[in-house]
Amino acid sequence: MLWEEVRQAYPDKWVVLEAIEAHSDSNYRIVDEIAVIDIYDDSMDALHRHSELHKQKPNRELYFFHTSREELNILEKKWAGLRKI
């Protein structure tokens, strides 16, 4: 699905998404194809589901957003790579 299709199918909802196809451009993650995993009325329910799924499979590209957003502006964060020894 595309983000616009998700917005039309689930108006005024919180959705937990998985990026099926995505790429990076100018420090933003551009999601080309989306799979909707769950739909919620409450943001905390969506956050908890996102966290649960991320703990189970941290390599999946998961997000949660409210469908009132016109665009998915996902800023990529670069990690310094420093760890406590």
Protein backbone atom coordinates (compact mmCIF):
# COMPACT_ATOMS: atom_id res chain seq x y z
CA MET A 1 0.00 0.00 0.00
CA LEU A 2 0.93 3.61 -0.36
CA TRP A 3 0.61 6.09 2.52
CA GLU A 4 -2.30 7.87 0.81
CA GLU A 5 -4.17 4.54 0.54
CA VAL A 6 -3.57 3.88 4.24
CA ARG A 7 -4.89 7.35 5.10
CA GLN A 8 -8.05 6.76 3.07
CA ALA A 9 -8.65 3.26 4.44
CA TYR A 10 -8.08 4.22 8.11
CA PRO A 11 -9.03 7.88 8.64
CA ASP A 12 -8.19 9.42 12.02
CA LYS A 13 -6.44 6.30 13.34
CA TRP A 14 -3.03 5.34 14.69
CA VAL A 15 -1.44 2.68 12.52
CA VAL A 16 1.53 0.40 13.11
CA LEU A 17 3.31 -0.08 9.79
CA GLU A 18 6.09 -2.11 8.28
CA ALA A 19 8.10 -0.69 5.40
CA ILE A 20 8.11 -3.33 2.66
CA GLU A 21 10.12 -1.19 0.24
CA ALA A 22 12.06 1.90 1.30
CA HIS A 23 15.14 3.92 0.45
CA SER A 24 17.16 6.80 1.88
CA ASP A 25 17.40 10.27 0.37
CA SER A 26 18.95 13.39 1.95
CA ASN A 27 18.81 12.01 5.52
CA TYR A 28 15.16 10.98 5.15
CA ARG A 29 13.73 7.49 4.91
CA ILE A 30 11.34 7.29 1.97
CA VAL A 31 8.81 4.47 2.32
CA ASP A 32 7.62 3.28 -1.08
CA GLU A 33 5.41 0.38 0.01
CA ILE A 34 3.72 -0.17 3.38
CA ALA A 35 2.08 -3.10 5.14
CA VAL A 36 -0.41 -2.16 7.85
CA ILE A 37 0.08 -4.38 10.90
CA ASP A 38 -2.42 -2.94 13.39
CA ILE A 39 -4.86 -0.04 13.76
CA TYR A 40 -5.59 1.84 16.99
CA ASP A 41 -7.60 4.78 18.32
CA ASP A 42 -5.07 5.46 21.09
CA SER A 43 -1.44 6.47 20.52
CA MET A 44 -0.19 4.58 23.59
CA ASP A 45 -1.68 1.33 22.31
CA ALA A 46 0.11 1.85 18.99
CA LEU A 47 3.37 2.67 20.80
CA HIS A 48 3.15 -0.46 22.93
CA ARG A 49 2.46 -2.66 19.90
CA HIS A 50 5.35 -1.07 18.00
CA SER A 51 7.69 -1.68 20.95
CA GLU A 52 6.52 -5.28 21.33
CA LEU A 53 7.09 -6.03 17.65
CA HIS A 54 10.48 -4.30 17.66
CA LYS A 55 11.65 -6.42 20.61
CA GLN A 56 10.57 -9.60 18.83
CA LYS A 57 12.25 -8.77 15.51
CA PRO A 58 14.50 -5.69 15.73
CA ASN A 59 15.55 -5.93 12.07
CA ARG A 60 12.06 -5.15 10.77
CA GLU A 61 11.53 -1.56 9.64
CA LEU A 62 8.52 -0.64 11.81
CA TYR A 63 6.83 2.70 12.39
CA PHE A 64 3.65 4.06 13.90
CA PHE A 65 1.90 7.18 12.69
CA HIS A 66 -1.45 8.93 12.84
CA THR A 67 -3.26 9.00 9.53
CA SER A 68 -3.90 12.74 9.84
CA ARG A 69 -0.31 13.23 8.65
CA GLU A 70 -0.24 14.12 4.99
CA GLU A 71 3.27 12.77 4.46
CA LEU A 72 5.62 10.37 6.18
CA ASN A 73 8.62 12.55 7.01
CA ILE A 74 10.98 10.06 8.61
CA LEU A 75 14.28 11.68 9.53
CA GLU A 76 17.15 9.20 9.74
CA LYS A 77 19.28 9.39 12.87
CA LYS A 78 22.92 8.52 12.62
CA TRP A 79 24.40 6.76 15.63
CA ALA A 80 27.95 7.60 16.74
CA GLY A 81 28.70 3.95 17.43
CA LEU A 82 30.09 4.52 20.91
CA ARG A 83 29.36 1.87 23.50
CA LYS A 84 29.96 1.56 27.18
CA ILE A 85 32.59 -1.06 27.91
